[in-house]
Each structure stands twice: as C-alpha cells, then as structure tokens.
C-alpha atoms as a PDB file:
ATOM      1  CA  MET A   1      17.746 -13.058  -7.173  1.00  0.00           C
ATOM      2  CA  HIS A   2      17.153  -8.956  -7.489  1.00  0.00           C
ATOM      3  CA  ILE A   3      14.184  -7.587  -6.975  1.00  0.00           C
ATOM      4  CA  THR A   4      14.098  -6.781 -10.825  1.00  0.00           C
ATOM      5  CA  GLN A   5      13.732 -10.642 -11.327  1.00  0.00           C
ATOM      6  CA  PHE A   6      11.280 -11.419  -8.983  1.00  0.00           C
ATOM      7  CA  LEU A   7       8.993  -8.400 -10.448  1.00  0.00           C
ATOM      8  CA  MET A   8       8.941  -9.885 -13.881  1.00  0.00           C
ATOM      9  CA  HIS A   9       8.392 -13.337 -11.998  1.00  0.00           C
ATOM     10  CA  ILE A  10       5.385 -12.417 -10.455  1.00  0.00           C
ATOM     11  CA  THR A  11       4.131  -9.802 -13.618  1.00  0.00           C
ATOM     12  CA  GLN A  12       4.143 -13.197 -15.661  1.00  0.00           C
ATOM     13  CA  PHE A  13       2.832 -14.968 -13.258  1.00  0.00           C
ATOM     14  CA  ALA A  14      -0.496 -13.001 -12.743  1.00  0.00           C
ATOM     15  CA  VAL A  15      -0.471 -12.974 -16.839  1.00  0.00           C
ATOM     16  CA  ARG A  16      -0.355 -16.568 -16.881  1.00  0.00           C
ATOM     17  CA  CYS A  17      -3.048 -16.940 -14.484  1.00  0.00           C
ATOM     18  CA  SER A  18      -5.187 -14.858 -16.580  1.00  0.00           C
ATOM     19  CA  ALA A  19      -3.970 -16.122 -19.890  1.00  0.00           C
ATOM     20  CA  GLU A  20      -4.323 -20.140 -19.420  1.00  0.00           C
ATOM     21  CA  ARG A  21      -7.200 -22.098 -19.978  1.00  0.00           C
ATOM     22  CA  ASP A  22      -7.961 -25.630 -20.259  1.00  0.00           C
ATOM     23  CA  SER A  23      -9.654 -27.181 -23.706  1.00  0.00           C
ATOM     24  CA  ASP A  24     -13.112 -26.493 -22.560  1.00  0.00           C
ATOM     25  CA  GLY A  25     -11.985 -22.574 -22.073  1.00  0.00           C
ATOM     26  CA  VAL A  26     -11.905 -22.771 -18.099  1.00  0.00           C
ATOM     27  CA  PRO A  27      -8.872 -20.856 -16.513  1.00  0.00           C
ATOM     28  CA  VAL A  28      -6.286 -23.062 -15.020  1.00  0.00           C
ATOM     29  CA  GLY A  29      -6.177 -23.144 -11.952  1.00  0.00           C
ATOM     30  CA  VAL A  30      -3.326 -21.609  -9.893  1.00  0.00           C
ATOM     31  CA  PRO A  31      -2.112 -24.473  -8.590  1.00  0.00           C
ATOM     32  CA  SER A  32      -0.810 -26.113 -12.132  1.00  0.00           C
ATOM     33  CA  ILE A  33       0.904 -22.704 -12.927  1.00  0.00           C
ATOM     34  CA  LEU A  34       2.837 -22.259  -9.785  1.00  0.00           C
ATOM     35  CA  GLN A  35       4.130 -26.054 -10.628  1.00  0.00           C
ATOM     36  CA  SER A  36       5.143 -25.158 -14.373  1.00  0.00           C
ATOM     37  CA  LEU A  37       6.908 -21.697 -13.270  1.00  0.00           C
ATOM     38  CA  GLU A  38       8.956 -24.114 -10.603  1.00  0.00           C
ATOM     39  CA  SER A  39       9.803 -26.217 -13.020  1.00  0.00           C
ATOM     40  CA  GLU A  40      10.612 -23.978 -15.384  1.00  0.00           C
ATOM     41  CA  LEU A  41      12.716 -21.817 -13.071  1.00  0.00           C
ATOM     42  CA  ALA A  42      14.732 -24.990 -12.266  1.00  0.00           C
ATOM     43  CA  ASP A  43      15.392 -26.009 -15.658  1.00  0.00           C
ATOM     44  CA  THR A  44      16.124 -22.678 -17.168  1.00  0.00           C
ATOM     45  CA  GLY A  45      16.923 -20.486 -14.159  1.00  0.00           C
ATOM     46  CA  SER A  46      14.131 -17.998 -16.335  1.00  0.00           C
ATOM     47  CA  LEU A  47      10.658 -17.815 -17.597  1.00  0.00           C
ATOM     48  CA  SER A  48       9.379 -17.770 -20.928  1.00  0.00           C
ATOM     49  CA  SER A  49       6.474 -15.033 -21.740  1.00  0.00           C
ATOM     50  CA  ALA A  50       3.411 -15.641 -21.598  1.00  0.00           C
ATOM     51  CA  ASP A  51       2.623 -16.605 -25.119  1.00  0.00           C
ATOM     52  CA  GLY A  52       4.915 -19.318 -24.680  1.00  0.00           C
ATOM     53  CA  ALA A  53       7.896 -17.381 -26.515  1.00  0.00           C
ATOM     54  CA  GLU A  54      11.199 -18.193 -24.856  1.00  0.00           C
ATOM     55  CA  GLY A  55      13.942 -15.691 -24.529  1.00  0.00           C
ATOM     56  CA  ALA A  56      11.877 -12.796 -22.688  1.00  0.00           C
ATOM     57  CA  ALA A  57      14.144  -9.381 -22.154  1.00  0.00           C
ATOM     58  CA  PRO A  58      16.713 -10.199 -19.304  1.00  0.00           C
ATOM     59  CA  SER A  59      15.019  -8.003 -16.268  1.00  0.00           C
ATOM     60  CA  GLY A  60      18.277  -6.305 -15.852  1.00  0.00           C
ATOM     61  CA  THR A  61      17.431  -4.516 -18.760  1.00  0.00           C
ATOM     62  CA  ASN A  62      14.109  -4.220 -18.803  1.00  0.00           C
ATOM     63  CA  PRO A  63      13.247  -0.647 -18.727  1.00  0.00           C
ATOM     64  CA  ALA A  64       9.698  -0.761 -16.983  1.00  0.00           C
ATOM     65  CA  ALA A  65      11.428  -2.282 -14.012  1.00  0.00           C
ATOM     66  CA  TRP A  66      14.220  -0.101 -14.039  1.00  0.00           C
ATOM     67  CA  ALA A  67      11.809   2.619 -13.307  1.00  0.00           C
ATOM     68  CA  ALA A  68       9.807   1.506 -11.159  1.00  0.00           C
ATOM     69  CA  THR A  69      13.063   0.785  -8.717  1.00  0.00           C
ATOM     70  CA  ILE A  70      14.113   3.817  -9.520  1.00  0.00           C
ATOM     71  CA  GLY A  71      11.100   5.644  -8.944  1.00  0.00           C
ATOM     72  CA  PHE A  72      10.395   4.054  -5.250  1.00  0.00           C
ATOM     73  CA  VAL A  73      14.268   4.778  -4.421  1.00  0.00           C
ATOM     74  CA  ALA A  74      13.342   8.687  -5.038  1.00  0.00           C
ATOM     75  CA  GLY A  75      10.250   9.074  -3.735  1.00  0.00           C
ATOM     76  CA  LEU A  76      11.621   7.149  -0.618  1.00  0.00           C
ATOM     77  CA  GLY A  77      13.993   9.731  -0.912  1.00  0.00           C
ATOM     78  CA  LEU A  78      11.956  12.452  -1.112  1.00  0.00           C
ATOM     79  CA  LEU A  79      10.315  11.183   1.869  1.00  0.00           C
ATOM     80  CA  LEU A  80      13.328  11.095   3.909  1.00  0.00           C
ATOM     81  CA  ALA A  81      14.958  14.800   2.840  1.00  0.00           C
ATOM     82  CA  GLY A  82      10.740  16.074   3.078  1.00  0.00           C
ATOM     83  CA  GLY A  83      11.623  15.075   6.807  1.00  0.00           C
ATOM     84  CA  TYR A  84      14.870  16.316   7.486  1.00  0.00           C
ATOM     85  CA  VAL A  85      13.779  19.403   6.194  1.00  0.00           C
ATOM     86  CA  PHE A  86      10.510  20.323   7.588  1.00  0.00           C
ATOM     87  CA  GLN A  87      11.731  18.679  10.587  1.00  0.00           C
ATOM     88  CA  GLU A  88      11.292  21.633  12.523  1.00  0.00           C
ATOM     89  CA  PRO A  89       8.124  23.016  11.873  1.00  0.00           C
ATOM     90  CA  ILE A  90       6.151  19.219  11.904  1.00  0.00           C
ATOM     91  CA  LYS A  91       8.080  19.056  15.627  1.00  0.00           C
ATOM     92  CA  ALA A  92       6.814  22.480  16.496  1.00  0.00           C
ATOM     93  CA  PHE A  93       3.012  21.715  14.684  1.00  0.00           C
ATOM     94  CA  LEU A  94       2.819  18.447  16.677  1.00  0.00           C
ATOM     95  CA  GLN A  95       3.896  19.664  20.188  1.00  0.00           C
ATOM     96  CA  PHE A  96       0.832  22.611  19.726  1.00  0.00           C
ATOM     97  CA  PHE A  97      -1.582  19.607  18.229  1.00  0.00           C
ATOM     98  CA  ILE A  98      -0.870  17.688  21.609  1.00  0.00           C
ATOM     99  CA  ASP A  99      -1.062  20.772  23.797  1.00  0.00           C
ATOM    100  CA  ALA A 100      -4.320  21.830  22.402  1.00  0.00           C
ATOM    101  CA  VAL A 101      -5.618  18.104  22.775  1.00  0.00           C
ATOM    102  CA  ASP A 102      -4.650  18.301  26.313  1.00  0.00           C
ATOM    103  CA  GLU A 103      -6.175  21.689  27.043  1.00  0.00           C
ATOM    104  CA  TRP A 104      -9.611  21.183  25.917  1.00  0.00           C
ATOM    105  CA  GLY A 105     -10.257  17.782  27.759  1.00  0.00           C
ATOM    106  CA  VAL A 106     -13.067  16.426  26.036  1.00  0.00           C
ATOM    107  CA  TRP A 107     -12.985  18.470  22.918  1.00  0.00           C
ATOM    108  CA  GLY A 108      -9.310  17.395  22.352  1.00  0.00           C
ATOM    109  CA  TYR A 109     -10.589  13.785  21.880  1.00  0.00           C
ATOM    110  CA  VAL A 110     -13.360  14.914  19.249  1.00  0.00           C
ATOM    111  CA  ALA A 111     -10.593  17.001  17.350  1.00  0.00           C
ATOM    112  CA  TYR A 112      -8.065  13.997  17.082  1.00  0.00           C
ATOM    113  CA  ALA A 113     -10.918  11.368  16.100  1.00  0.00           C
ATOM    114  CA  ALA A 114     -11.329  14.060  13.459  1.00  0.00           C
ATOM    115  CA  VAL A 115      -8.311  14.552  12.317  1.00  0.00           C
ATOM    116  CA  TYR A 116      -7.332  11.012  12.431  1.00  0.00           C
ATOM    117  CA  THR A 117     -10.804   9.947  10.671  1.00  0.00           C
ATOM    118  CA  GLY A 118      -9.583  12.795   8.122  1.00  0.00           C
ATOM    119  CA  LEU A 119      -6.250  11.671   7.440  1.00  0.00           C
ATOM    120  CA  GLU A 120      -7.647   8.000   7.000  1.00  0.00           C
ATOM    121  CA  VAL A 121     -10.098   9.156   4.257  1.00  0.00           C
ATOM    122  CA  LEU A 122      -6.894  10.760   2.717  1.00  0.00           C
ATOM    123  CA  ALA A 123      -5.181   7.415   2.928  1.00  0.00           C
ATOM    124  CA  VAL A 124      -2.298   8.718   5.256  1.00  0.00           C
ATOM    125  CA  PRO A 125      -0.740   6.123   7.051  1.00  0.00           C
ATOM    126  CA  ALA A 126      -2.241   5.922  10.539  1.00  0.00           C
ATOM    127  CA  VAL A 127       0.493   4.287  12.502  1.00  0.00           C
ATOM    128  CA  PRO A 128       2.300   7.600  13.967  1.00  0.00           C
ATOM    129  CA  LEU A 129      -0.960   8.638  15.022  1.00  0.00           C
ATOM    130  CA  THR A 130      -2.031   5.707  16.297  1.00  0.00           C
ATOM    131  CA  MET A 131       0.694   5.519  18.540  1.00  0.00           C
ATOM    132  CA  THR A 132       0.400   8.802  19.336  1.00  0.00           C
ATOM    133  CA  ALA A 133      -3.353   7.777  20.799  1.00  0.00           C
ATOM    134  CA  GLY A 134      -1.678   5.959  23.186  1.00  0.00           C
ATOM    135  CA  VAL A 135       0.977   8.423  24.447  1.00  0.00           C
ATOM    136  CA  ILE A 136      -1.645  11.309  24.762  1.00  0.00           C
ATOM    137  CA  PHE A 137      -5.275   9.741  26.034  1.00  0.00           C
ATOM    138  CA  GLY A 138      -2.913   6.507  27.700  1.00  0.00           C
ATOM    139  CA  PRO A 139      -4.048   2.566  26.118  1.00  0.00           C
ATOM    140  CA  LEU A 140      -7.272   2.587  26.593  1.00  0.00           C
ATOM    141  CA  ALA A 141      -8.447   5.858  25.767  1.00  0.00           C
ATOM    142  CA  GLY A 142      -6.243   5.688  23.184  1.00  0.00           C
ATOM    143  CA  THR A 143      -7.665   2.573  21.816  1.00  0.00           C
ATOM    144  CA  ALA A 144     -10.871   4.040  22.241  1.00  0.00           C
ATOM    145  CA  VAL A 145     -10.501   6.884  20.133  1.00  0.00           C
ATOM    146  CA  VAL A 146      -8.241   5.273  17.409  1.00  0.00           C
ATOM    147  CA  SER A 147     -10.894   2.328  16.947  1.00  0.00           C
ATOM    148  CA  PHE A 148     -13.663   4.639  16.522  1.00  0.00           C
ATOM    149  CA  SER A 149     -11.810   7.165  14.625  1.00  0.00           C
ATOM    150  CA  GLY A 150     -10.802   3.964  12.177  1.00  0.00           C
ATOM    151  CA  THR A 151     -14.265   2.397  12.002  1.00  0.00           C
ATOM    152  CA  LEU A 152     -15.500   6.167  10.749  1.00  0.00           C
ATOM    153  CA  ALA A 153     -12.577   6.588   8.329  1.00  0.00           C
ATOM    154  CA  ALA A 154     -13.897   2.771   6.907  1.00  0.00           C
ATOM    155  CA  ALA A 155     -17.229   3.847   6.813  1.00  0.00           C
ATOM    156  CA  ILE A 156     -16.765   7.215   4.845  1.00  0.00           C
ATOM    157  CA  ALA A 157     -14.189   5.642   2.541  1.00  0.00           C
ATOM    158  CA  PHE A 158     -16.849   2.904   1.412  1.00  0.00           C
ATOM    159  CA  LEU A 159     -19.139   5.871   1.453  1.00  0.00           C
ATOM    160  CA  ILE A 160     -17.148   7.614  -1.046  1.00  0.00           C
ATOM    161  CA  ALA A 161     -16.318   4.439  -3.115  1.00  0.00           C
ATOM    162  CA  ARG A 162     -20.507   3.457  -3.511  1.00  0.00           C
ATOM    163  CA  TYR A 163     -21.704   6.963  -4.334  1.00  0.00           C
ATOM    164  CA  ALA A 164     -19.253   9.730  -4.649  1.00  0.00           C
ATOM    165  CA  ALA A 165     -16.765   7.201  -6.892  1.00  0.00           C
ATOM    166  CA  ARG A 166     -18.709   4.712  -8.441  1.00  0.00           C
ATOM    167  CA  ASP A 167     -17.985   5.320 -11.653  1.00  0.00           C
ATOM    168  CA  LYS A 168     -14.500   5.605 -11.602  1.00  0.00           C
ATOM    169  CA  VAL A 169     -14.036   2.707  -9.049  1.00  0.00           C
ATOM    170  CA  GLY A 170     -16.137   0.237 -11.590  1.00  0.00           C
ATOM    171  CA  GLY A 171     -19.666  -0.877 -12.108  1.00  0.00           C
END
C-alpha cells in the first residue's frame, strides 16, 4: 500500500466517523466503522467515498495527496540543504554557546534554561537541546535543567493559548 493510499484511507475513516449515525442520530461507534472498512478493503481492495458512492478516485491521481507528498519531500530536502549550507555557522554558534554556558557558571544554567524554554514555546524540536544539556551539565543536572525548562515552556504555551490566543484557538 502506497503512502497516498494510506492517507486516503485515513481521511475517509475520519469522514465516516463524523458522518455516519444510527437511526436515532447518534454517531456510529468507531469499532463498527473499522469493521466495515476492513470488510470493504478485503472485498474490493479499495474504499468507497463517505457518501456511499463507489469508485473514489485512485489515490495515485489525487492531487492533494501528491501535493502533500511533494511538500513533505521538499521540506525535508530544504531542511537537509539548510543544515549542510549553514553547517559552519551552526557549529560556531553551538561552540560559542557551550563555552559561554561553561564560563558563566550558575548563570549558564539560567541562560540554557531560558534558551530551551524559548525554543520549546516556539515549537522547535527539543531533542538536540535535551541531549546537549546532558553533555554540558552532566546527566543529573542536565535532567533537572531540561525538566524545569520543559515544564516552564508548557506553562507559558498554556497561558498563551488560554489568554493571548483564545479567539484563534477557539471557544
């Protein structure tokens, strides 16, 4: 099964979950929808559309699926190319930051926590920062800094969603 076919099946499953209802108007349970999808796939090898019409467009010709796949591959390519092109400046900044954190002593912990918290709030993946904390501060102190910073970032993100972005988030 190609990724585009898988994405089509997931999309159709989501539509069915929100559209199918029993005689009283109550949404049909997910297990019965899954069972009907499995039997349909076993019988025909393809799914029908949510409104019951057979012959949904093959996933190979679905422009949205192709656009999503191309967008993912292009984004990954740009990320890798950017890492390669800016490899030296990134290394230089990281070395500067590690040296600065070492020289600042206790304030290095505070600086690292501030950078970590800021990047977490901005939804930058934290795995590299988490591993770096262990290298710079050691396993115990690094775990403490990362735990504190991650919790602080989650609280800040919550407060932003709760008060500053409430209308955009909804409700």
